[in-house]
Amino acid sequence: MNSHQSVKSLFFFFLCISVSLTVELTFELPDNAKECFYEEIESGTDFTVEFQVVTGGHYDIDFELIAPNKEVLYREVKKQYDSFSKKADVRGVYAACFSNEFSTFSHKLVYVDWQVGTEDPLPGLGEHLTAMTQMESSSHSLHENLNKVVDYQTHHRLRESQGRKRAEDLNERVFLWAVGETVAIIVILIGQVVILRNFFSEKKPSQMMFS
C-alpha cells in the first residue's frame, strides 16, 4: 500500500508465482455490510487466509470461511486480525466472508492476504540429488529472506497506515476541541462586556422614578 494514498482508497494487488497464487487486497467495509471473496481450490491444496483491520471503529470484524459444501470451516467474531491455514478437503469454490453488520456507523478498512498452494523452489533446487553448492545454498537463503522482507514490508505499511489514521483522528478532535474552546471564550467575553455595561450604564430619570 502506497503511504501517499488515502487510507479510504480501494486498491488491489494480484501476484501469481508459478503454482502458488497469492491474492492481496485492501477494501472498505461499510457499516451494516458483509463482503465475501471467492477462490476455486483443488482438493489437497494448502491455503492460508490472513486478515487485519487497518482502520475504523474498534478495529474489529466478523470473519468466516465457508467450504464448497456450505460447511463453515472457521468463524471468529469481532477480531482485529487473524490467520487460518488448512488443506482443502474437496474441490470447489471457497468463500471468505467479512462482516461489519454489528456496527451501525463505523466503516472499516480491511487487509486480506489469501495464499493458495505452495511456492515452487528455485530452478534446479527442486529435485536436488546431491548436496547444494555454496552458491545454491546462498541463493536459496536469499530467496527465503526476500520473501520475509516482503511480508515485513506489508505489515509495517499496514501499521503505518493505522498509525497515520489514528493521528489524523486525534488531530481532528484536538482541532474541534480548540475551536469549541475559542467559541466559548468569545461568548463568555461578550457576556461579561454586556453585563458590565449594564452595571455602569446611567439610568434615565423616567426609569429611576419607576425603579
N, C-alpha and C. Protein backbone atom coordinates (compact mmCIF):
# COMPACT_ATOMS: atom_id res chain seq x y z
N MET A 1 0.84 -1.19 0.00
CA MET A 1 0.00 0.00 0.00
C MET A 1 0.88 1.24 0.00
N ASN A 2 0.60 2.15 -0.93
CA ASN A 2 1.37 3.38 -1.04
C ASN A 2 1.04 4.29 0.11
N SER A 3 2.08 4.75 0.84
CA SER A 3 1.84 5.58 2.01
C SER A 3 1.31 6.95 1.65
N HIS A 4 1.38 7.36 0.36
CA HIS A 4 0.89 8.67 -0.04
C HIS A 4 -0.56 8.61 -0.49
N GLN A 5 -1.17 7.44 -0.52
CA GLN A 5 -2.57 7.32 -0.90
C GLN A 5 -3.44 7.40 0.33
N SER A 6 -4.68 7.82 0.14
CA SER A 6 -5.62 7.90 1.24
C SER A 6 -5.95 6.50 1.72
N VAL A 7 -6.15 6.36 3.06
CA VAL A 7 -6.46 5.05 3.61
C VAL A 7 -7.84 4.60 3.21
N LYS A 8 -8.66 5.52 2.69
CA LYS A 8 -10.00 5.15 2.27
C LYS A 8 -10.05 4.69 0.82
N SER A 9 -8.94 4.74 0.12
CA SER A 9 -8.95 4.33 -1.27
C SER A 9 -9.03 2.82 -1.36
N LEU A 10 -9.57 2.35 -2.49
CA LEU A 10 -9.75 0.93 -2.71
C LEU A 10 -8.71 0.48 -3.72
N PHE A 11 -7.91 -0.50 -3.35
CA PHE A 11 -6.91 -0.93 -4.29
C PHE A 11 -6.65 -2.42 -4.13
N PHE A 12 -6.17 -3.04 -5.20
CA PHE A 12 -5.97 -4.47 -5.24
C PHE A 12 -4.55 -4.78 -5.72
N PHE A 13 -3.98 -5.84 -5.13
CA PHE A 13 -2.68 -6.32 -5.56
C PHE A 13 -2.82 -7.81 -5.90
N PHE A 14 -2.48 -8.19 -7.11
CA PHE A 14 -2.54 -9.58 -7.50
C PHE A 14 -1.14 -10.02 -7.89
N LEU A 15 -0.68 -11.11 -7.29
CA LEU A 15 0.67 -11.60 -7.53
C LEU A 15 0.60 -13.11 -7.71
N CYS A 16 0.98 -13.60 -8.87
CA CYS A 16 0.95 -15.03 -9.15
C CYS A 16 2.37 -15.54 -9.29
N ILE A 17 2.74 -16.56 -8.52
CA ILE A 17 4.09 -17.11 -8.55
C ILE A 17 3.96 -18.60 -8.82
N SER A 18 4.28 -19.02 -10.05
CA SER A 18 4.20 -20.41 -10.50
C SER A 18 2.87 -21.01 -10.06
N VAL A 19 2.90 -22.17 -9.33
CA VAL A 19 1.65 -22.81 -8.95
C VAL A 19 1.06 -22.17 -7.70
N SER A 20 1.79 -21.29 -7.07
CA SER A 20 1.30 -20.63 -5.87
C SER A 20 0.57 -19.35 -6.25
N LEU A 21 -0.65 -19.19 -5.77
CA LEU A 21 -1.44 -17.99 -6.05
C LEU A 21 -1.59 -17.21 -4.76
N THR A 22 -1.14 -15.96 -4.80
CA THR A 22 -1.26 -15.08 -3.64
C THR A 22 -2.09 -13.88 -4.04
N VAL A 23 -3.19 -13.67 -3.35
CA VAL A 23 -4.06 -12.54 -3.62
C VAL A 23 -4.07 -11.64 -2.40
N GLU A 24 -3.60 -10.41 -2.59
CA GLU A 24 -3.62 -9.42 -1.52
C GLU A 24 -4.55 -8.29 -1.92
N LEU A 25 -5.42 -7.90 -1.03
CA LEU A 25 -6.31 -6.79 -1.33
C LEU A 25 -6.67 -6.05 -0.05
N THR A 26 -6.95 -4.78 -0.23
CA THR A 26 -7.42 -3.94 0.86
C THR A 26 -8.72 -3.32 0.41
N PHE A 27 -9.77 -3.46 1.19
CA PHE A 27 -11.08 -2.98 0.77
C PHE A 27 -11.78 -2.28 1.93
N GLU A 28 -12.73 -1.43 1.59
CA GLU A 28 -13.52 -0.72 2.59
C GLU A 28 -14.80 -1.49 2.85
N LEU A 29 -15.07 -1.76 4.11
CA LEU A 29 -16.26 -2.50 4.53
C LEU A 29 -17.20 -1.54 5.24
N PRO A 30 -18.31 -1.14 4.60
CA PRO A 30 -19.22 -0.17 5.22
C PRO A 30 -19.91 -0.75 6.45
N ASP A 31 -20.54 0.12 7.23
CA ASP A 31 -21.31 -0.35 8.38
C ASP A 31 -22.53 -1.13 7.89
N ASN A 32 -22.96 -2.10 8.71
CA ASN A 32 -24.10 -2.97 8.39
C ASN A 32 -23.92 -3.69 7.06
N ALA A 33 -22.68 -4.02 6.70
CA ALA A 33 -22.40 -4.64 5.41
C ALA A 33 -21.62 -5.95 5.59
N LYS A 34 -21.67 -6.76 4.55
CA LYS A 34 -20.95 -8.03 4.53
C LYS A 34 -20.37 -8.23 3.14
N GLU A 35 -19.08 -8.58 3.07
CA GLU A 35 -18.40 -8.79 1.80
C GLU A 35 -17.78 -10.18 1.80
N CYS A 36 -17.92 -10.88 0.65
CA CYS A 36 -17.35 -12.22 0.50
C CYS A 36 -16.44 -12.26 -0.72
N PHE A 37 -15.36 -13.01 -0.61
CA PHE A 37 -14.42 -13.21 -1.71
C PHE A 37 -14.30 -14.71 -1.95
N TYR A 38 -14.20 -15.07 -3.23
CA TYR A 38 -14.29 -16.48 -3.60
C TYR A 38 -13.03 -16.91 -4.34
N GLU A 39 -12.64 -18.16 -4.09
CA GLU A 39 -11.47 -18.72 -4.74
C GLU A 39 -11.70 -20.22 -4.97
N GLU A 40 -11.45 -20.66 -6.21
CA GLU A 40 -11.58 -22.09 -6.52
C GLU A 40 -10.28 -22.79 -6.17
N ILE A 41 -10.39 -23.83 -5.36
CA ILE A 41 -9.20 -24.53 -4.84
C ILE A 41 -9.35 -26.02 -5.13
N GLU A 42 -8.28 -26.61 -5.60
CA GLU A 42 -8.26 -28.05 -5.86
C GLU A 42 -8.14 -28.83 -4.55
N SER A 43 -8.66 -30.04 -4.57
CA SER A 43 -8.59 -30.90 -3.38
C SER A 43 -7.14 -31.23 -3.05
N GLY A 44 -6.81 -31.17 -1.76
CA GLY A 44 -5.46 -31.47 -1.30
C GLY A 44 -4.50 -30.29 -1.36
N THR A 45 -4.99 -29.12 -1.74
CA THR A 45 -4.14 -27.94 -1.83
C THR A 45 -4.16 -27.16 -0.52
N ASP A 46 -2.99 -26.79 -0.05
CA ASP A 46 -2.90 -25.98 1.16
C ASP A 46 -3.25 -24.53 0.85
N PHE A 47 -3.93 -23.88 1.77
CA PHE A 47 -4.23 -22.46 1.60
C PHE A 47 -4.25 -21.77 2.95
N THR A 48 -4.00 -20.48 2.94
CA THR A 48 -3.96 -19.66 4.15
C THR A 48 -4.69 -18.36 3.90
N VAL A 49 -5.55 -17.98 4.83
CA VAL A 49 -6.25 -16.70 4.77
C VAL A 49 -5.85 -15.89 5.99
N GLU A 50 -5.31 -14.70 5.74
CA GLU A 50 -4.90 -13.80 6.82
C GLU A 50 -5.57 -12.45 6.61
N PHE A 51 -6.05 -11.85 7.69
CA PHE A 51 -6.69 -10.55 7.56
C PHE A 51 -6.32 -9.66 8.73
N GLN A 52 -6.48 -8.35 8.52
CA GLN A 52 -6.23 -7.37 9.57
C GLN A 52 -7.07 -6.13 9.31
N VAL A 53 -7.72 -5.63 10.34
CA VAL A 53 -8.49 -4.39 10.23
C VAL A 53 -7.52 -3.23 10.38
N VAL A 54 -7.43 -2.42 9.34
CA VAL A 54 -6.46 -1.32 9.33
C VAL A 54 -7.00 -0.10 10.05
N THR A 55 -8.23 0.30 9.74
CA THR A 55 -8.83 1.48 10.36
C THR A 55 -10.32 1.24 10.57
N GLY A 56 -10.88 2.05 11.47
CA GLY A 56 -12.33 2.06 11.65
C GLY A 56 -12.79 1.48 12.97
N GLY A 57 -13.62 2.26 13.70
CA GLY A 57 -14.26 1.77 14.92
C GLY A 57 -13.28 1.24 15.93
N HIS A 58 -13.59 0.06 16.45
CA HIS A 58 -12.72 -0.61 17.42
C HIS A 58 -11.80 -1.61 16.74
N TYR A 59 -11.61 -1.46 15.42
CA TYR A 59 -10.71 -2.32 14.66
C TYR A 59 -11.10 -3.80 14.79
N ASP A 60 -12.37 -4.10 14.59
CA ASP A 60 -12.83 -5.48 14.70
C ASP A 60 -13.90 -5.77 13.67
N ILE A 61 -13.91 -7.03 13.18
CA ILE A 61 -14.91 -7.50 12.23
C ILE A 61 -15.19 -8.97 12.53
N ASP A 62 -16.27 -9.48 11.93
CA ASP A 62 -16.58 -10.91 11.99
C ASP A 62 -16.06 -11.57 10.72
N PHE A 63 -15.54 -12.79 10.86
CA PHE A 63 -14.96 -13.50 9.71
C PHE A 63 -15.39 -14.96 9.74
N GLU A 64 -15.69 -15.49 8.55
CA GLU A 64 -15.97 -16.91 8.43
C GLU A 64 -15.50 -17.41 7.08
N LEU A 65 -15.03 -18.65 7.07
CA LEU A 65 -14.56 -19.31 5.86
C LEU A 65 -15.50 -20.47 5.57
N ILE A 66 -16.06 -20.48 4.36
CA ILE A 66 -17.09 -21.45 4.01
C ILE A 66 -16.60 -22.34 2.88
N ALA A 67 -16.75 -23.66 3.06
CA ALA A 67 -16.33 -24.64 2.07
C ALA A 67 -17.37 -24.74 0.94
N PRO A 68 -17.03 -25.39 -0.17
CA PRO A 68 -18.00 -25.54 -1.27
C PRO A 68 -19.27 -26.26 -0.86
N ASN A 69 -19.21 -27.15 0.13
CA ASN A 69 -20.41 -27.86 0.60
C ASN A 69 -21.16 -27.09 1.67
N LYS A 70 -20.88 -25.78 1.78
CA LYS A 70 -21.54 -24.87 2.72
C LYS A 70 -21.14 -25.09 4.18
N GLU A 71 -20.15 -25.93 4.41
CA GLU A 71 -19.66 -26.14 5.77
C GLU A 71 -18.81 -24.94 6.20
N VAL A 72 -19.05 -24.45 7.40
CA VAL A 72 -18.28 -23.33 7.94
C VAL A 72 -17.00 -23.90 8.55
N LEU A 73 -15.89 -23.66 7.88
CA LEU A 73 -14.61 -24.20 8.33
C LEU A 73 -14.02 -23.39 9.48
N TYR A 74 -14.32 -22.11 9.51
CA TYR A 74 -13.70 -21.25 10.52
C TYR A 74 -14.58 -20.03 10.71
N ARG A 75 -14.74 -19.63 11.96
CA ARG A 75 -15.56 -18.44 12.25
C ARG A 75 -14.98 -17.74 13.48
N GLU A 76 -14.85 -16.44 13.38
CA GLU A 76 -14.40 -15.62 14.50
C GLU A 76 -15.27 -14.36 14.56
N VAL A 77 -15.52 -13.88 15.78
CA VAL A 77 -16.39 -12.74 16.00
C VAL A 77 -15.57 -11.59 16.59
N LYS A 78 -15.70 -10.41 15.99
CA LYS A 78 -15.06 -9.19 16.46
C LYS A 78 -13.56 -9.38 16.68
N LYS A 79 -12.88 -9.70 15.59
CA LYS A 79 -11.43 -9.88 15.64
C LYS A 79 -10.75 -8.74 14.89
N GLN A 80 -9.61 -8.31 15.41
CA GLN A 80 -8.83 -7.27 14.74
C GLN A 80 -7.95 -7.88 13.65
N TYR A 81 -7.37 -9.03 13.93
CA TYR A 81 -6.54 -9.71 12.94
C TYR A 81 -6.51 -11.19 13.27
N ASP A 82 -6.28 -12.00 12.25
CA ASP A 82 -6.22 -13.44 12.47
C ASP A 82 -5.66 -14.12 11.22
N SER A 83 -5.31 -15.39 11.35
CA SER A 83 -4.80 -16.17 10.23
C SER A 83 -5.31 -17.60 10.36
N PHE A 84 -5.69 -18.19 9.22
CA PHE A 84 -6.22 -19.55 9.23
C PHE A 84 -5.63 -20.32 8.06
N SER A 85 -5.11 -21.52 8.36
CA SER A 85 -4.50 -22.37 7.33
C SER A 85 -5.17 -23.74 7.33
N LYS A 86 -5.31 -24.31 6.12
CA LYS A 86 -5.97 -25.61 6.01
C LYS A 86 -5.64 -26.23 4.66
N LYS A 87 -5.77 -27.55 4.59
CA LYS A 87 -5.66 -28.28 3.33
C LYS A 87 -7.07 -28.53 2.82
N ALA A 88 -7.34 -28.17 1.59
CA ALA A 88 -8.68 -28.30 1.02
C ALA A 88 -9.08 -29.77 0.95
N ASP A 89 -10.23 -30.09 1.55
CA ASP A 89 -10.73 -31.47 1.54
C ASP A 89 -11.45 -31.81 0.24
N VAL A 90 -12.13 -30.83 -0.32
CA VAL A 90 -12.89 -31.04 -1.55
C VAL A 90 -12.56 -29.94 -2.54
N ARG A 91 -12.74 -30.26 -3.82
CA ARG A 91 -12.51 -29.27 -4.87
C ARG A 91 -13.75 -28.39 -5.02
N GLY A 92 -13.53 -27.11 -5.19
CA GLY A 92 -14.66 -26.21 -5.37
C GLY A 92 -14.31 -24.79 -5.01
N VAL A 93 -15.35 -23.98 -4.92
CA VAL A 93 -15.18 -22.55 -4.63
C VAL A 93 -15.34 -22.32 -3.13
N TYR A 94 -14.29 -21.80 -2.51
CA TYR A 94 -14.30 -21.46 -1.09
C TYR A 94 -14.60 -19.97 -0.95
N ALA A 95 -15.31 -19.62 0.11
CA ALA A 95 -15.72 -18.23 0.34
C ALA A 95 -15.16 -17.72 1.65
N ALA A 96 -14.51 -16.57 1.59
CA ALA A 96 -14.05 -15.88 2.80
C ALA A 96 -14.93 -14.64 2.98
N CYS A 97 -15.72 -14.62 4.05
CA CYS A 97 -16.71 -13.56 4.25
C CYS A 97 -16.33 -12.71 5.45
N PHE A 98 -16.42 -11.40 5.27
CA PHE A 98 -16.11 -10.43 6.31
C PHE A 98 -17.37 -9.61 6.59
N SER A 99 -17.72 -9.52 7.85
CA SER A 99 -18.98 -8.86 8.21
C SER A 99 -18.73 -7.72 9.18
N ASN A 100 -19.41 -6.59 8.89
CA ASN A 100 -19.41 -5.43 9.78
C ASN A 100 -20.86 -5.08 10.14
N GLU A 101 -21.71 -6.11 10.17
CA GLU A 101 -23.14 -5.91 10.37
C GLU A 101 -23.47 -5.45 11.78
N PHE A 102 -22.58 -5.70 12.72
CA PHE A 102 -22.85 -5.30 14.11
C PHE A 102 -22.58 -3.82 14.33
N SER A 103 -21.92 -3.16 13.38
CA SER A 103 -21.59 -1.74 13.52
C SER A 103 -22.65 -0.90 12.81
N THR A 104 -23.08 0.17 13.46
CA THR A 104 -24.16 1.00 12.92
C THR A 104 -23.67 2.25 12.21
N PHE A 105 -22.41 2.65 12.43
CA PHE A 105 -21.94 3.88 11.81
C PHE A 105 -20.46 3.86 11.43
N SER A 106 -19.73 2.84 11.81
CA SER A 106 -18.28 2.84 11.61
C SER A 106 -17.89 1.99 10.41
N HIS A 107 -17.23 2.63 9.43
CA HIS A 107 -16.67 1.91 8.29
C HIS A 107 -15.32 1.31 8.69
N LYS A 108 -14.96 0.21 8.04
CA LYS A 108 -13.69 -0.44 8.33
C LYS A 108 -12.88 -0.58 7.04
N LEU A 109 -11.57 -0.47 7.18
CA LEU A 109 -10.65 -0.75 6.08
C LEU A 109 -9.93 -2.04 6.42
N VAL A 110 -10.08 -3.06 5.57
CA VAL A 110 -9.62 -4.41 5.89
C VAL A 110 -8.58 -4.87 4.85
N TYR A 111 -7.50 -5.42 5.36
CA TYR A 111 -6.46 -6.01 4.50
C TYR A 111 -6.61 -7.53 4.54
N VAL A 112 -6.55 -8.16 3.35
CA VAL A 112 -6.70 -9.62 3.24
C VAL A 112 -5.55 -10.18 2.41
N ASP A 113 -4.99 -11.27 2.87
CA ASP A 113 -3.93 -11.99 2.15
C ASP A 113 -4.37 -13.45 2.04
N TRP A 114 -4.68 -13.89 0.80
CA TRP A 114 -5.16 -15.26 0.58
C TRP A 114 -4.13 -15.98 -0.28
N GLN A 115 -3.46 -16.97 0.33
CA GLN A 115 -2.42 -17.73 -0.36
C GLN A 115 -2.93 -19.14 -0.62
N VAL A 116 -2.83 -19.56 -1.88
CA VAL A 116 -3.29 -20.88 -2.29
C VAL A 116 -2.12 -21.65 -2.88
N GLY A 117 -1.86 -22.84 -2.36
CA GLY A 117 -0.76 -23.65 -2.86
C GLY A 117 0.56 -23.26 -2.23
N THR A 118 1.59 -23.96 -2.65
CA THR A 118 2.93 -23.70 -2.14
C THR A 118 3.81 -23.20 -3.28
N GLU A 119 4.74 -22.37 -2.96
CA GLU A 119 5.62 -21.80 -3.98
C GLU A 119 6.64 -22.82 -4.43
N ASP A 120 6.85 -22.88 -5.74
CA ASP A 120 7.85 -23.80 -6.28
C ASP A 120 9.25 -23.37 -5.82
N PRO A 121 10.14 -24.33 -5.62
CA PRO A 121 11.52 -23.97 -5.26
C PRO A 121 12.21 -23.30 -6.44
N LEU A 122 13.36 -22.73 -6.18
CA LEU A 122 14.13 -22.10 -7.24
C LEU A 122 14.52 -23.13 -8.30
N PRO A 123 14.62 -22.72 -9.56
CA PRO A 123 15.00 -23.66 -10.63
C PRO A 123 16.30 -24.38 -10.30
N GLY A 124 16.25 -25.70 -10.44
CA GLY A 124 17.44 -26.50 -10.17
C GLY A 124 17.56 -26.99 -8.76
N LEU A 125 16.67 -26.52 -7.86
CA LEU A 125 16.77 -26.93 -6.47
C LEU A 125 15.62 -27.82 -6.04
N GLY A 126 14.68 -28.07 -6.96
CA GLY A 126 13.51 -28.84 -6.58
C GLY A 126 13.82 -30.29 -6.29
N GLU A 127 14.55 -30.91 -7.20
CA GLU A 127 14.89 -32.33 -7.03
C GLU A 127 16.41 -32.48 -7.05
N HIS A 128 17.00 -31.92 -6.04
CA HIS A 128 18.46 -31.92 -5.95
C HIS A 128 18.91 -33.25 -5.35
N LEU A 129 19.65 -34.04 -6.16
CA LEU A 129 20.08 -35.36 -5.69
C LEU A 129 21.34 -35.30 -4.85
N THR A 130 22.09 -34.25 -4.99
CA THR A 130 23.33 -34.10 -4.22
C THR A 130 23.22 -32.87 -3.32
N ALA A 131 24.22 -32.73 -2.49
CA ALA A 131 24.24 -31.57 -1.59
C ALA A 131 24.37 -30.28 -2.40
N MET A 132 23.68 -29.25 -1.93
CA MET A 132 23.71 -27.97 -2.63
C MET A 132 25.09 -27.32 -2.50
N THR A 133 25.49 -26.67 -3.55
CA THR A 133 26.75 -25.93 -3.50
C THR A 133 26.54 -24.67 -2.66
N GLN A 134 27.65 -24.01 -2.36
CA GLN A 134 27.57 -22.80 -1.56
C GLN A 134 26.75 -21.73 -2.28
N MET A 135 26.90 -21.64 -3.60
CA MET A 135 26.13 -20.67 -4.37
C MET A 135 24.64 -20.99 -4.33
N GLU A 136 24.29 -22.27 -4.49
CA GLU A 136 22.88 -22.67 -4.46
C GLU A 136 22.28 -22.45 -3.07
N SER A 137 23.05 -22.77 -2.03
CA SER A 137 22.57 -22.56 -0.67
C SER A 137 22.36 -21.07 -0.39
N SER A 138 23.29 -20.24 -0.87
CA SER A 138 23.15 -18.79 -0.68
C SER A 138 21.95 -18.25 -1.44
N SER A 139 21.72 -18.76 -2.65
CA SER A 139 20.57 -18.32 -3.44
C SER A 139 19.26 -18.70 -2.76
N HIS A 140 19.21 -19.91 -2.24
CA HIS A 140 18.00 -20.37 -1.54
C HIS A 140 17.74 -19.53 -0.29
N SER A 141 18.79 -19.25 0.47
CA SER A 141 18.65 -18.44 1.67
C SER A 141 18.23 -17.01 1.32
N LEU A 142 18.81 -16.47 0.26
CA LEU A 142 18.46 -15.12 -0.17
C LEU A 142 17.00 -15.05 -0.61
N HIS A 143 16.55 -16.08 -1.32
CA HIS A 143 15.16 -16.14 -1.77
C HIS A 143 14.19 -16.15 -0.59
N GLU A 144 14.47 -16.94 0.41
CA GLU A 144 13.60 -17.00 1.59
C GLU A 144 13.62 -15.67 2.36
N ASN A 145 14.78 -15.07 2.48
CA ASN A 145 14.87 -13.79 3.19
C ASN A 145 14.12 -12.68 2.46
N LEU A 146 14.16 -12.70 1.13
CA LEU A 146 13.42 -11.70 0.36
C LEU A 146 11.91 -11.86 0.56
N ASN A 147 11.46 -13.11 0.62
CA ASN A 147 10.03 -13.34 0.90
C ASN A 147 9.65 -12.80 2.28
N LYS A 148 10.53 -12.97 3.25
CA LYS A 148 10.26 -12.44 4.58
C LYS A 148 10.25 -10.91 4.56
N VAL A 149 11.16 -10.32 3.78
CA VAL A 149 11.19 -8.86 3.68
C VAL A 149 9.88 -8.33 3.12
N VAL A 150 9.33 -9.01 2.11
CA VAL A 150 8.05 -8.59 1.53
C VAL A 150 6.95 -8.64 2.58
N ASP A 151 6.93 -9.71 3.37
CA ASP A 151 5.91 -9.83 4.43
C ASP A 151 6.09 -8.72 5.48
N TYR A 152 7.32 -8.47 5.89
CA TYR A 152 7.58 -7.43 6.88
C TYR A 152 7.17 -6.05 6.34
N GLN A 153 7.47 -5.79 5.07
CA GLN A 153 7.09 -4.51 4.48
C GLN A 153 5.58 -4.33 4.47
N THR A 154 4.86 -5.39 4.14
CA THR A 154 3.40 -5.32 4.12
C THR A 154 2.84 -5.00 5.49
N HIS A 155 3.32 -5.70 6.51
CA HIS A 155 2.81 -5.48 7.86
C HIS A 155 3.20 -4.10 8.38
N HIS A 156 4.40 -3.64 8.07
CA HIS A 156 4.82 -2.31 8.52
C HIS A 156 4.03 -1.22 7.81
N ARG A 157 3.69 -1.43 6.55
CA ARG A 157 2.86 -0.46 5.85
C ARG A 157 1.46 -0.40 6.44
N LEU A 158 0.94 -1.56 6.83
CA LEU A 158 -0.37 -1.58 7.47
C LEU A 158 -0.33 -0.84 8.81
N ARG A 159 0.70 -1.09 9.58
CA ARG A 159 0.82 -0.40 10.88
C ARG A 159 1.02 1.09 10.68
N GLU A 160 1.77 1.47 9.62
CA GLU A 160 1.96 2.89 9.34
C GLU A 160 0.64 3.55 8.97
N SER A 161 -0.16 2.87 8.15
CA SER A 161 -1.47 3.41 7.78
C SER A 161 -2.38 3.51 8.99
N GLN A 162 -2.33 2.51 9.84
CA GLN A 162 -3.15 2.52 11.05
C GLN A 162 -2.74 3.67 11.96
N GLY A 163 -1.42 3.86 12.15
CA GLY A 163 -0.95 4.95 12.99
C GLY A 163 -1.27 6.31 12.40
N ARG A 164 -1.16 6.43 11.06
CA ARG A 164 -1.48 7.70 10.42
C ARG A 164 -2.96 8.05 10.59
N LYS A 165 -3.82 7.05 10.44
CA LYS A 165 -5.26 7.29 10.60
C LYS A 165 -5.58 7.72 12.02
N ARG A 166 -4.97 7.07 13.00
CA ARG A 166 -5.20 7.47 14.39
C ARG A 166 -4.71 8.88 14.65
N ALA A 167 -3.55 9.22 14.06
CA ALA A 167 -3.02 10.58 14.24
C ALA A 167 -3.95 11.61 13.60
N GLU A 168 -4.51 11.29 12.43
CA GLU A 168 -5.43 12.21 11.77
C GLU A 168 -6.70 12.39 12.60
N ASP A 169 -7.21 11.28 13.15
CA ASP A 169 -8.41 11.38 14.00
C ASP A 169 -8.13 12.22 15.25
N LEU A 170 -6.97 12.00 15.87
CA LEU A 170 -6.61 12.76 17.06
C LEU A 170 -6.44 14.24 16.72
N ASN A 171 -5.80 14.52 15.59
CA ASN A 171 -5.63 15.91 15.18
C ASN A 171 -6.98 16.59 14.93
N GLU A 172 -7.91 15.87 14.34
CA GLU A 172 -9.24 16.43 14.08
C GLU A 172 -9.98 16.71 15.39
N ARG A 173 -9.86 15.80 16.35
CA ARG A 173 -10.52 16.01 17.64
C ARG A 173 -9.91 17.19 18.39
N VAL A 174 -8.58 17.29 18.35
CA VAL A 174 -7.92 18.42 19.02
C VAL A 174 -8.34 19.74 18.37
N PHE A 175 -8.44 19.75 17.05
CA PHE A 175 -8.86 20.96 16.34
C PHE A 175 -10.28 21.37 16.72
N LEU A 176 -11.19 20.38 16.75
CA LEU A 176 -12.57 20.68 17.12
C LEU A 176 -12.66 21.17 18.57
N TRP A 177 -11.85 20.55 19.46
CA TRP A 177 -11.85 20.98 20.85
C TRP A 177 -11.33 22.41 20.97
N ALA A 178 -10.29 22.74 20.21
CA ALA A 178 -9.75 24.10 20.24
C ALA A 178 -10.76 25.10 19.70
N VAL A 179 -11.46 24.74 18.63
CA VAL A 179 -12.49 25.62 18.09
C VAL A 179 -13.60 25.84 19.12
N GLY A 180 -14.02 24.76 19.78
CA GLY A 180 -15.05 24.88 20.82
C GLY A 180 -14.62 25.77 21.96
N GLU A 181 -13.37 25.60 22.41
CA GLU A 181 -12.87 26.46 23.49
C GLU A 181 -12.81 27.92 23.05
N THR A 182 -12.40 28.17 21.81
CA THR A 182 -12.34 29.55 21.31
C THR A 182 -13.72 30.18 21.27
N VAL A 183 -14.69 29.44 20.79
CA VAL A 183 -16.07 29.96 20.74
C VAL A 183 -16.59 30.23 22.14
N ALA A 184 -16.31 29.32 23.07
CA ALA A 184 -16.77 29.50 24.45
C ALA A 184 -16.14 30.75 25.08
N ILE A 185 -14.84 30.97 24.84
CA ILE A 185 -14.17 32.15 25.39
C ILE A 185 -14.77 33.43 24.82
N ILE A 186 -15.06 33.43 23.51
CA ILE A 186 -15.65 34.62 22.88
C ILE A 186 -17.03 34.91 23.45
N VAL A 187 -17.84 33.85 23.62
CA VAL A 187 -19.19 34.02 24.17
C VAL A 187 -19.12 34.56 25.60
N ILE A 188 -18.22 33.99 26.42
CA ILE A 188 -18.07 34.46 27.80
C ILE A 188 -17.60 35.91 27.83
N LEU A 189 -16.66 36.26 26.95
CA LEU A 189 -16.16 37.62 26.89
C LEU A 189 -17.26 38.61 26.52
N ILE A 190 -18.05 38.28 25.52
CA ILE A 190 -19.14 39.15 25.13
C ILE A 190 -20.17 39.28 26.25
N GLY A 191 -20.46 38.15 26.90
CA GLY A 191 -21.41 38.19 28.01
C GLY A 191 -20.92 39.07 29.15
N GLN A 192 -19.63 38.98 29.47
CA GLN A 192 -19.09 39.82 30.54
C GLN A 192 -19.15 41.31 30.18
N VAL A 193 -18.84 41.63 28.93
CA VAL A 193 -18.91 43.02 28.49
C VAL A 193 -20.33 43.56 28.59
N VAL A 194 -21.30 42.76 28.17
CA VAL A 194 -22.71 43.19 28.23
C VAL A 194 -23.14 43.41 29.67
N ILE A 195 -22.77 42.50 30.57
CA ILE A 195 -23.16 42.62 31.98
C ILE A 195 -22.52 43.85 32.61
N LEU A 196 -21.22 44.07 32.35
CA LEU A 196 -20.54 45.24 32.91
C LEU A 196 -21.14 46.54 32.37
N ARG A 197 -21.50 46.58 31.13
CA ARG A 197 -22.13 47.78 30.58
C ARG A 197 -23.47 48.05 31.25
N ASN A 198 -24.22 47.00 31.56
CA ASN A 198 -25.50 47.20 32.25
C ASN A 198 -25.29 47.72 33.67
N PHE A 199 -24.22 47.29 34.32
CA PHE A 199 -23.94 47.75 35.68
C PHE A 199 -23.59 49.24 35.71
N PHE A 200 -22.81 49.71 34.77
CA PHE A 200 -22.29 51.06 34.82
C PHE A 200 -23.03 52.05 33.91
N SER A 201 -24.05 51.56 33.22
CA SER A 201 -24.81 52.48 32.38
C SER A 201 -25.72 53.35 33.25
N GLU A 202 -25.84 54.66 32.92
CA GLU A 202 -26.68 55.59 33.68
C GLU A 202 -28.15 55.42 33.31
N LYS A 203 -29.00 55.42 34.33
CA LYS A 203 -30.43 55.28 34.09
C LYS A 203 -31.04 56.66 33.84
N LYS A 204 -32.01 56.69 32.95
CA LYS A 204 -32.74 57.92 32.69
C LYS A 204 -33.65 58.25 33.87
N PRO A 205 -34.01 59.56 34.06
CA PRO A 205 -34.89 59.94 35.19
C PRO A 205 -36.22 59.21 35.18
N SER A 206 -36.79 59.00 34.01
CA SER A 206 -38.07 58.29 33.96
C SER A 206 -37.92 56.86 34.44
N GLN A 207 -36.77 56.27 34.15
CA GLN A 207 -36.53 54.90 34.62
C GLN A 207 -36.29 54.86 36.10
N MET A 208 -35.67 55.93 36.68
CA MET A 208 -35.42 55.96 38.12
C MET A 208 -36.70 56.12 38.91
N MET A 209 -37.72 56.85 38.34
CA MET A 209 -38.99 57.04 39.05
C MET A 209 -39.76 55.74 39.19
N PHE A 210 -39.63 54.89 38.22
CA PHE A 210 -40.39 53.62 38.27
C PHE A 210 -39.55 52.47 38.79
N SER A 211 -38.31 52.76 39.19
CA SER A 211 -37.49 51.66 39.68
C SER A 211 -37.76 51.42 41.16
